Protein backbone atom coordinates (compact mmCIF):
# COMPACT_ATOMS: atom_id res chain seq x y z
CA UNK A 1 167.53 144.10 25.93
CA UNK A 2 169.66 144.09 29.36
CA UNK A 3 169.29 140.58 31.05
CA UNK A 4 167.78 140.56 34.77
CA UNK A 5 170.35 139.03 37.53
CA UNK A 6 170.01 137.49 41.12
CA UNK A 7 173.38 137.99 42.93
CA UNK A 8 174.03 134.81 44.59
CA UNK A 9 176.76 134.68 47.36
CA UNK A 10 178.71 132.75 44.46
CA UNK A 11 178.02 135.04 41.68
CA UNK A 12 175.40 135.95 39.43
CA UNK A 13 172.11 133.91 38.29
CA UNK A 14 169.95 134.10 35.67
CA UNK A 15 166.21 132.85 35.63
CA UNK A 16 164.32 131.42 32.92
CA UNK A 17 160.42 131.82 32.87
CA UNK A 18 157.89 130.26 30.83
CA UNK A 19 154.01 130.90 31.08
CA UNK A 20 151.16 128.94 30.75
CA UNK A 21 148.00 131.15 30.34
CA UNK A 22 144.77 129.82 30.83
CA UNK A 23 141.97 132.13 29.12
CA UNK A 24 138.37 131.33 29.50
CA UNK A 25 137.03 131.32 25.54
CA UNK A 26 134.07 134.38 25.54
CA UNK A 27 131.05 132.02 24.85
CA UNK A 28 127.70 131.64 25.80
CA UNK A 29 127.95 128.28 26.43
CA UNK A 30 130.62 125.28 27.66
CA UNK A 31 132.78 123.43 25.27
CA UNK A 32 131.03 120.22 25.10
CA UNK A 33 127.43 121.34 26.35
CA UNK A 34 124.79 124.31 26.29
CA UNK A 35 125.22 125.06 30.30
CA UNK A 36 125.39 128.80 30.80
CA UNK A 37 128.75 130.17 31.67
CA UNK A 38 127.81 133.27 33.11
CA UNK A 39 129.74 134.25 36.17
CA UNK A 40 128.54 134.14 39.61
CA UNK A 41 125.36 131.76 39.17
CA UNK A 42 124.49 130.09 42.32
CA UNK A 43 126.59 126.73 42.98
CA UNK A 44 125.95 123.60 40.70
CA UNK A 45 123.09 125.71 38.65
CA UNK A 46 124.65 125.62 35.56
CA UNK A 47 125.47 122.43 35.03
CA UNK A 48 124.29 120.27 32.38
CA UNK A 49 124.07 116.67 32.34
CA UNK A 50 127.37 115.97 30.69
CA UNK A 51 129.71 118.65 32.67
CA UNK A 52 127.86 116.09 35.74
CA UNK A 53 129.52 113.20 33.67
CA UNK A 54 126.28 111.05 33.45
CA UNK A 55 126.45 107.90 32.12
CA UNK A 56 126.19 107.99 28.41
CA UNK A 57 126.40 111.32 27.87
CA UNK A 58 128.26 112.34 24.55
CA UNK A 59 130.33 115.84 24.15
CA UNK A 60 129.05 118.01 21.19
CA UNK A 61 131.56 120.68 20.58
CA UNK A 62 131.23 124.07 20.61
CA UNK A 63 131.86 125.89 16.99
CA UNK A 64 132.17 129.28 18.82
CA UNK A 65 135.00 128.24 21.08
CA UNK A 66 136.77 127.20 18.19
CA UNK A 67 136.10 130.03 16.03
CA UNK A 68 137.75 132.36 19.21
CA UNK A 69 140.88 130.15 19.51
CA UNK A 70 141.87 130.33 15.72
CA UNK A 71 140.89 134.53 15.51
CA UNK A 72 143.18 134.71 18.69
CA UNK A 73 145.76 132.65 17.10
CA UNK A 74 145.79 134.62 14.59
CA UNK A 75 146.14 137.59 16.36
CA UNK A 76 149.79 136.12 17.69
CA UNK A 77 150.63 135.61 13.94
CA UNK A 78 150.48 132.00 14.96
CA UNK A 79 150.17 129.03 12.54
CA UNK A 80 146.85 127.36 12.12
CA UNK A 81 146.11 123.69 12.11
CA UNK A 82 143.58 122.71 9.73
CA UNK A 83 143.57 119.62 11.16
CA UNK A 84 143.66 118.90 15.10
CA UNK A 85 142.93 116.24 17.59
CA UNK A 86 141.26 115.88 21.09
CA UNK A 87 143.18 114.16 23.92
CA UNK A 88 141.88 112.54 27.25
CA UNK A 89 143.97 113.90 30.03
CA UNK A 90 143.16 111.08 33.02
CA UNK A 91 143.29 112.49 36.54
CA UNK A 92 141.39 111.66 39.66
CA UNK A 93 139.99 114.37 41.46
CA UNK A 94 137.11 115.60 43.18
CA UNK A 95 136.05 118.73 41.02
CA UNK A 96 136.76 116.20 37.94
CA UNK A 97 133.61 114.60 37.69
CA UNK A 98 134.10 112.50 34.40
CA UNK A 99 138.07 111.59 35.84
CA UNK A 100 139.08 112.92 32.55
CA UNK A 101 139.77 116.29 31.33
CA UNK A 102 139.50 116.72 27.22
CA UNK A 103 142.46 118.61 26.13
CA UNK A 104 144.73 118.77 23.24
CA UNK A 105 147.89 117.43 23.77
CA UNK A 106 149.79 116.02 20.28
CA UNK A 107 147.85 117.79 18.13
CA UNK A 108 146.35 121.13 19.17
CA UNK A 109 144.62 123.66 17.33
CA UNK A 110 147.11 126.61 17.11
CA UNK A 111 150.74 126.20 16.39
CA UNK A 112 153.75 128.77 16.41
CA UNK A 113 153.13 132.66 16.94
CA UNK A 114 154.62 135.26 18.94
CA UNK A 115 153.94 138.44 20.77
CA UNK A 116 155.41 141.79 21.00
CA UNK A 117 156.35 143.47 24.62
CA UNK A 118 158.02 146.54 25.23
CA UNK A 119 159.38 147.17 28.76
CA UNK A 120 162.10 149.75 30.17
CA UNK A 121 164.73 148.20 28.14
CA UNK A 122 163.21 148.17 24.98
CA UNK A 123 161.08 146.00 22.53
CA UNK A 124 161.37 142.22 22.48
CA UNK A 125 159.54 139.34 20.76
CA UNK A 126 158.29 136.27 22.93
CA UNK A 127 157.70 132.93 21.50
CA UNK A 128 154.50 131.43 21.81
CA UNK A 129 154.55 128.00 21.84
CA UNK A 130 151.14 126.41 21.12
CA UNK A 131 147.55 127.02 21.79
CA UNK A 132 144.96 124.57 22.56
CA UNK A 133 141.48 124.11 23.28
CA UNK A 134 140.59 122.53 27.24
CA UNK A 135 137.47 122.32 29.51
CA UNK A 136 137.89 124.03 32.89
CA UNK A 137 137.77 121.64 35.84
CA UNK A 138 134.75 122.31 38.88
CA UNK A 139 136.06 124.10 42.18
CA UNK A 140 135.99 122.76 45.88
CA UNK A 141 134.57 124.73 48.29
CA UNK A 142 136.31 124.29 51.84
CA UNK A 143 134.94 127.14 53.81
CA UNK A 144 131.19 125.82 53.90
CA UNK A 145 131.13 122.96 56.28
CA UNK A 146 133.46 122.23 59.10
CA UNK A 147 134.71 118.86 58.31
CA UNK A 148 133.06 118.42 54.54
CA UNK A 149 134.33 120.03 51.34
CA UNK A 150 131.90 120.66 49.16
CA UNK A 151 132.10 121.30 44.92
CA UNK A 152 131.03 123.41 42.66
CA UNK A 153 130.37 122.33 39.02
CA UNK A 154 129.37 125.50 37.51
CA UNK A 155 132.86 125.75 35.91
CA UNK A 156 133.22 122.20 35.26
CA UNK A 157 133.35 121.94 31.12
CA UNK A 158 133.69 125.95 30.51
CA UNK A 159 136.25 126.59 27.28
CA UNK A 160 139.83 127.74 28.00
CA UNK A 161 142.56 128.27 25.79
CA UNK A 162 145.71 127.55 27.14
CA UNK A 163 148.33 129.83 25.76
CA UNK A 164 151.99 128.48 26.21
CA UNK A 165 154.97 130.79 25.96
CA UNK A 166 158.52 129.54 24.87
CA UNK A 167 160.40 129.79 28.04
CA UNK A 168 162.09 133.32 26.34
CA UNK A 169 161.21 135.59 29.33
CA UNK A 170 163.90 136.37 32.00
CA UNK A 171 162.40 138.72 34.75
CA UNK A 172 159.58 139.81 36.71
CA UNK A 173 159.00 143.24 34.04
CA UNK A 174 158.95 141.20 31.09
CA UNK A 175 156.72 138.54 32.33
CA UNK A 176 154.11 141.20 33.40
CA UNK A 177 154.60 142.94 30.01
CA UNK A 178 153.49 139.63 28.30
CA UNK A 179 150.61 139.17 30.48
CA UNK A 180 149.41 142.69 29.88
CA UNK A 181 149.90 142.53 26.41
CA UNK A 182 148.46 139.21 25.81
CA UNK A 183 145.59 140.27 27.56
CA UNK A 184 145.20 143.31 25.75
CA UNK A 185 145.00 141.45 22.16
CA UNK A 186 142.49 139.27 23.88
CA UNK A 187 140.56 141.85 24.63
CA UNK A 188 140.62 143.61 21.52
CA UNK A 189 139.89 139.84 19.37
CA UNK A 190 137.18 139.22 22.31
CA UNK A 191 138.35 135.67 22.74
CA UNK A 192 138.43 136.56 26.03
CA UNK A 193 137.41 139.28 28.96
CA UNK A 194 140.36 138.94 30.61
CA UNK A 195 138.84 139.52 33.85
CA UNK A 196 141.49 137.81 35.98
CA UNK A 197 139.71 139.00 39.26
CA UNK A 198 136.68 136.78 38.36
CA UNK A 199 139.56 133.56 37.54
CA UNK A 200 138.52 134.28 33.52
CA UNK A 201 142.41 134.68 32.90
CA UNK A 202 145.21 132.74 34.74
CA UNK A 203 148.69 131.64 34.63
CA UNK A 204 150.77 128.74 35.78
CA UNK A 205 154.54 129.94 36.16
CA UNK A 206 157.29 127.60 35.22
CA UNK A 207 160.25 129.00 37.06
CA UNK A 208 164.00 127.93 36.98
CA UNK A 209 167.72 129.17 37.43
CA UNK A 210 170.88 129.07 36.07
CA UNK A 211 174.24 130.74 36.18
CA UNK A 212 174.63 132.96 33.58
CA UNK A 213 175.05 130.94 30.26
CA UNK A 214 174.91 127.54 32.05
CA UNK A 215 172.76 124.32 31.38
CA UNK A 216 169.02 125.05 32.32
CA UNK A 217 168.04 124.63 35.93
CA UNK A 218 164.98 121.98 37.25
CA UNK A 219 161.65 124.19 36.86
CA UNK A 220 158.51 124.54 39.35
CA UNK A 221 155.34 125.16 38.45
CA UNK A 222 153.39 127.85 40.23
CA UNK A 223 149.88 127.35 39.70
CA UNK A 224 146.86 129.31 39.08
CA UNK A 225 148.42 132.94 39.59
CA UNK A 226 145.79 135.42 38.64
CA UNK A 227 147.31 138.73 38.76
CA UNK A 228 150.08 140.20 36.94
CA UNK A 229 151.17 142.11 40.20
CA UNK A 230 151.09 138.40 41.62
CA UNK A 231 152.75 136.71 38.76
CA UNK A 232 155.74 139.27 39.12
CA UNK A 233 155.61 138.44 42.81
CA UNK A 234 155.63 134.85 42.37
CA UNK A 235 158.67 134.66 39.76
CA UNK A 236 160.54 137.17 42.19
CA UNK A 237 160.07 135.11 45.38
CA UNK A 238 160.51 131.90 43.54
CA UNK A 239 163.62 132.81 42.06
CA UNK A 240 165.55 133.99 44.85
CA UNK A 241 164.30 130.48 46.83
CA UNK A 242 165.85 128.82 44.21
CA UNK A 243 169.21 130.67 44.39
CA UNK A 244 169.43 130.18 47.86
CA UNK A 245 168.50 126.82 48.12
CA UNK A 246 171.20 125.73 45.65
CA UNK A 247 173.65 128.16 47.04
CA UNK A 248 172.87 126.32 50.52
CA UNK A 249 173.65 122.76 48.85
CA UNK A 250 170.46 121.89 48.55
CA UNK A 251 168.35 120.57 45.00
CA UNK A 252 165.47 122.14 43.32
CA UNK A 253 162.78 119.67 42.91
CA UNK A 254 160.67 119.72 40.03
CA UNK A 255 157.03 120.22 41.59
CA UNK A 256 154.12 121.88 41.56
CA UNK A 257 153.63 125.08 44.34
CA UNK A 258 150.91 127.71 45.08
CA UNK A 259 151.56 131.46 45.60
CA UNK A 260 150.47 132.89 48.78
CA UNK A 261 149.51 136.52 48.14
CA UNK A 262 149.17 137.77 51.67
CA UNK A 263 152.67 136.30 52.45
CA UNK A 264 153.98 136.74 48.83
CA UNK A 265 155.63 133.69 49.23
CA UNK A 266 155.19 130.44 47.05
CA UNK A 267 154.83 126.91 49.00
CA UNK A 268 154.96 122.87 47.76
CA UNK A 269 151.42 121.52 46.69
CA UNK A 270 152.90 118.40 45.18
CA UNK A 271 156.00 116.83 43.33
CA UNK A 272 155.79 116.87 39.81
CA UNK A 273 157.97 114.17 38.30
CA UNK A 274 158.92 114.09 34.48
CA UNK A 275 157.23 110.07 35.12
CA UNK A 276 154.20 111.99 36.03
CA UNK A 277 151.45 109.43 33.94
CA UNK A 278 148.06 110.84 32.49
CA UNK A 279 147.74 108.58 30.34
CA UNK A 280 146.58 110.36 27.16
CA UNK A 281 144.80 108.96 24.45
CA UNK A 282 142.40 110.14 21.70
CA UNK A 283 138.97 110.79 23.11
CA UNK A 284 136.84 108.37 21.16
CA UNK A 285 133.71 109.95 21.17
CA UNK A 286 134.99 113.16 19.39
CA UNK A 287 136.05 113.57 15.66
CA UNK A 288 139.15 115.22 14.39
CA UNK A 289 138.49 118.69 13.74
CA UNK A 290 138.91 119.98 10.15
CA UNK A 291 138.80 123.91 9.39
CA UNK A 292 137.97 124.65 5.75
CA UNK A 293 139.52 127.40 3.81
CA UNK A 294 136.38 129.61 4.19
CA UNK A 295 136.14 129.07 8.00
CA UNK A 296 139.57 130.28 8.40
CA UNK A 297 138.96 133.30 5.91
CA UNK A 298 136.14 134.20 7.89
CA UNK A 299 137.82 134.07 10.75
CA UNK A 300 140.64 136.39 9.59
CA UNK A 301 138.26 138.92 8.03
CA UNK A 302 136.53 139.37 11.62
CA UNK A 303 139.61 140.61 13.10
CA UNK A 304 139.56 143.87 14.38
CA UNK A 305 142.45 146.70 14.07
CA UNK A 306 145.01 145.37 16.99
CA UNK A 307 146.84 146.92 19.10
CA UNK A 308 150.28 147.13 17.79
CA UNK A 309 148.59 148.40 14.35
CA UNK A 310 146.56 151.13 15.83
CA UNK A 311 149.45 152.48 17.87
CA UNK A 312 151.10 152.75 14.95
CA UNK A 313 148.48 154.71 13.21
CA UNK A 314 147.80 156.96 15.85
CA UNK A 315 151.37 158.31 15.73
CA UNK A 316 151.33 158.18 11.63
CA UNK A 317 148.46 159.68 11.23
CA UNK A 318 147.00 161.11 14.22
CA UNK A 319 150.88 162.91 15.34
CA UNK A 320 150.69 161.29 18.27
CA UNK A 321 153.69 160.84 20.85
CA UNK A 322 154.44 157.38 21.30
CA UNK A 323 153.78 157.45 24.93
CA UNK A 324 150.18 159.02 24.28
CA UNK A 325 149.21 156.33 21.35
CA UNK A 326 150.70 153.70 24.01
CA UNK A 327 148.54 154.79 26.43
CA UNK A 328 145.08 155.12 24.66
CA UNK A 329 145.84 151.83 22.34
CA UNK A 330 146.49 149.71 25.49
CA UNK A 331 142.91 148.88 26.47
CA UNK A 332 140.35 148.07 23.87
CA UNK A 333 137.22 150.28 25.74
CA UNK A 334 139.97 153.08 26.35
CA UNK A 335 140.98 152.54 22.45
CA UNK A 336 136.96 152.46 21.72
CA UNK A 337 136.23 155.66 23.54
CA UNK A 338 138.74 157.49 22.06
CA UNK A 339 137.65 156.57 18.54
CA UNK A 340 134.19 157.62 19.52
CA UNK A 341 135.61 160.80 20.46
CA UNK A 342 137.36 161.78 17.13
CA UNK A 343 134.18 160.64 15.77
CA UNK A 344 132.20 162.95 17.39
CA UNK A 345 134.16 165.96 16.52
CA UNK A 346 134.02 165.65 12.91
CA UNK A 347 137.35 166.56 12.32
CA UNK A 348 140.42 164.01 11.14
CA UNK A 349 144.39 163.77 11.36
CA UNK A 350 147.04 165.79 13.73
CA UNK A 351 144.52 168.92 13.44
CA UNK A 352 142.15 166.84 16.35
CA UNK A 353 144.33 164.24 17.35
CA UNK A 354 146.88 165.43 19.78
CA UNK A 355 144.23 168.19 21.46
CA UNK A 356 141.78 165.28 22.00
CA UNK A 357 144.38 162.39 23.35
CA UNK A 358 145.86 165.10 25.66
CA UNK A 359 142.46 166.17 27.03
CA UNK A 360 141.96 162.23 27.51
CA UNK A 361 144.87 161.15 29.03
CA UNK A 362 145.17 164.59 31.41
CA UNK A 363 141.93 165.88 32.19
CA UNK A 364 139.46 162.86 31.74
CA UNK A 365 141.64 159.81 33.38
CA UNK A 366 142.82 162.33 35.98
CA UNK A 367 138.92 163.21 36.80
CA UNK A 368 137.67 159.06 36.50
CA UNK A 369 141.20 158.11 38.64
CA UNK A 370 139.81 160.59 41.17
CA UNK A 371 136.11 159.58 41.08
CA UNK A 372 137.67 155.77 40.89
CA UNK A 373 135.70 154.64 37.65
CA UNK A 374 136.63 153.46 34.54
CA UNK A 375 136.25 154.49 31.31
CA UNK A 376 133.01 152.84 30.67
CA UNK A 377 131.69 154.25 33.74
CA UNK A 378 132.94 157.61 32.57
CA UNK A 379 130.03 160.32 33.78
CA UNK A 380 131.25 162.48 29.99
CA UNK A 381 130.25 160.70 26.82
CA UNK A 382 132.39 161.11 24.17
CA UNK A 383 129.84 163.08 22.20
CA UNK A 384 130.20 165.80 25.14
CA UNK A 385 134.08 165.23 25.56
CA UNK A 386 134.06 166.45 21.54
CA UNK A 387 131.61 169.16 22.34
CA UNK A 388 133.64 170.46 24.89
CA UNK A 389 136.90 170.21 22.49
CA UNK A 390 135.12 172.19 19.68
CA UNK A 391 134.24 174.97 22.33
CA UNK A 392 138.00 175.18 22.94
CA UNK A 393 138.67 175.16 19.48
CA UNK A 394 136.40 177.51 18.16
CA UNK A 395 137.82 180.36 20.72
CA UNK A 396 134.39 179.94 22.96
CA UNK A 397 136.03 178.98 26.06
CA UNK A 398 140.04 178.97 27.09
CA UNK A 399 141.89 176.50 28.72
CA UNK A 400 141.09 177.61 31.92
CA UNK A 401 137.50 178.13 31.61
CA UNK A 402 137.12 174.78 29.92
CA UNK A 403 138.43 173.03 33.12
CA UNK A 404 135.68 174.85 35.10
CA UNK A 405 133.41 173.68 32.16
CA UNK A 406 134.23 170.17 32.45
CA UNK A 407 134.38 169.79 36.69
CA UNK A 408 130.43 170.83 36.01
CA UNK A 409 129.91 168.35 33.55
CA UNK A 410 131.39 165.44 35.42
CA UNK A 411 129.05 166.47 38.74
CA UNK A 412 125.74 167.12 36.41
CA UNK A 413 126.00 164.96 33.35
CA UNK A 414 124.80 168.19 31.33
CA UNK A 415 126.26 169.39 27.87
CA UNK A 416 129.21 172.31 27.51
CA UNK A 417 127.08 174.21 24.92
CA UNK A 418 124.42 174.18 27.97
CA UNK A 419 126.65 175.00 30.56
CA UNK A 420 128.16 177.66 28.85
CA UNK A 421 125.20 179.54 27.85
CA UNK A 422 123.54 179.03 31.58
CA UNK A 423 126.51 180.09 33.63
CA UNK A 424 127.98 183.00 31.31
CA UNK A 425 131.42 181.03 31.33
CA UNK A 426 131.95 182.23 27.45
CA UNK A 427 135.09 183.76 26.75
CA UNK A 428 135.34 187.17 25.57
CA UNK A 429 137.44 188.41 22.66
CA UNK A 430 135.51 191.87 23.47
CA UNK A 431 139.15 194.49 22.45
CA UNK A 432 136.96 197.30 24.22
CA UNK A 433 136.47 195.72 27.57
CA UNK A 434 139.48 194.04 27.80
CA UNK A 435 141.52 197.57 27.08
CA UNK A 436 139.14 199.10 30.24
CA UNK A 437 140.32 196.09 32.33
CA UNK A 438 143.84 196.78 31.53
CA UNK A 439 143.89 200.66 31.96
CA UNK A 440 142.26 199.95 35.50
CA UNK A 441 145.17 196.96 36.27
CA UNK A 442 148.29 199.87 34.99
CA UNK A 443 146.63 202.45 36.96
CA UNK A 444 146.58 200.30 40.12
CA UNK A 445 150.01 198.95 39.88
CA UNK A 446 151.98 202.44 38.43
CA UNK A 447 155.23 201.25 40.16
CA UNK A 448 155.32 197.87 38.92
CA UNK A 449 154.56 199.42 35.24
CA UNK A 450 157.99 201.71 35.58
CA UNK A 451 159.92 198.40 37.00
CA UNK A 452 158.71 196.95 33.64
CA UNK A 453 159.57 199.50 31.44
CA UNK A 454 162.97 199.46 33.32
CA UNK A 455 163.62 196.52 32.05
CA UNK A 456 162.02 193.80 34.62
CA UNK A 457 160.17 191.91 31.43
CA UNK A 458 159.35 189.31 33.73
CA UNK A 459 156.24 191.44 35.52
CA UNK A 460 154.79 191.02 32.02
CA UNK A 461 153.23 187.51 33.46
CA UNK A 462 152.23 189.89 36.30
CA UNK A 463 149.83 192.24 34.52
CA UNK A 464 148.37 189.24 32.14
CA UNK A 465 147.28 187.19 35.80
CA UNK A 466 145.91 190.54 37.41
CA UNK A 467 143.67 191.02 34.00
CA UNK A 468 142.79 187.67 34.05
CA UNK A 469 141.62 187.67 37.44
CA UNK A 470 140.12 190.88 36.69
CA UNK A 471 137.68 189.47 34.33
CA UNK A 472 137.49 185.99 36.24
CA UNK A 473 139.24 184.07 33.75
CA UNK A 474 136.54 184.81 30.66
CA UNK A 475 139.37 186.97 28.82
CA UNK A 476 140.95 185.26 25.96
CA UNK A 477 144.80 184.74 26.75
CA UNK A 478 145.70 185.98 23.46
CA UNK A 479 143.69 189.02 23.35
CA UNK A 480 144.72 190.10 26.31
CA UNK A 481 148.98 189.41 25.82
CA UNK A 482 148.79 191.85 22.70
CA UNK A 483 146.32 194.32 24.23
CA UNK A 484 148.74 194.48 27.24
CA UNK A 485 152.03 194.96 25.01
CA UNK A 486 150.55 197.70 23.76
CA UNK A 487 149.63 199.60 26.64
CA UNK A 488 152.54 198.52 28.72
CA UNK A 489 154.44 200.13 25.20
């Protein structure tokens, strides 16, 4: 793996990056209450007495959140801790009604695991330190009143997994690949929807710099960065800022920073010394969490085929190129659509795999891109795609005709067989009809025929083009080639 370096005035610098990804757990209710987690509700309409920290209210753990965290840990090949515990992290802030956050510091539910990432420089395994479960805080709203800040507690108590990487990442590109891969795994598992725009996945980005091979530098933490592009930009800016600061005689301060996406810069939010004391202690209202062997076995059995395994299977069984396989498995919705398409063709293995993958990646993705839609909004269903591929495979449609039919399918939503029938777009292999057109083309281009017979072989393509044009693209190209060779001698 090639190493990313920053060229400073005093030499080369390495960047050391660790990410703490907060992923909202997919569940109908919050971590310790029955309030809804649905996105987009009016402020403070999804707040139970527990979330609002009313006196005497006791938390009750949501078992589905535990199950999803365990399944995530298993997908990352991480150690699952059969015994874990909740701690109180004490701090005072307007969006935290209890005055503490219930989290897991000393005994997290998931221990060490790893994620394999791909960058242009090759493959790399990135360590995961731990995954713990915690509550989210509420949200301060500063734009509702000229002199007051309002607080919306709909997010208060929503279940989060904090997925902490080891400081194994060394470039913005690696960090981007790590977050994309992690998001892909979470979406396959179904433990988080990965919707970064809605805040259900965001990252705290820890960055430090050091002279090549030197001692670790002081790190800064840039909070709540909510897109892969912004994560990469925050690292780029912050690493260069630290190098410039050190080289001009300054010192990097351990602090919390914010990323400004409009300006592409990070700025100081608050200092965060090692002495910052959250006074953690075990939450007295919650028993230690004990996971049974049966529960763990059920979690493992419920895991789907994960992206790496699916990619390898597509290469081995369907004969796909490594590139096509990785494109089709990168996101779970694409992989599901492609699987439905394969199933609908009724064929298996390499006999359909390559044709189907090429059609999805070039024709379908190209059309969706043009329409500004994603695959879940495709006007063409997997079943209709399978019909189109079958019509090409059995010779009813040529490649050119299939593209025409596909465009009509996108506009009308009709089945390809019906379009072919109603609009007379069937490919013809009628040799009599094709021979008649070839005779006309040859008769109209006697000078070119003479040149061709005189050794100008490249003109063969001209005759194919003229014949196909005269037959409105409906002639079987294979039959045209054979009959032309015969006619031209």
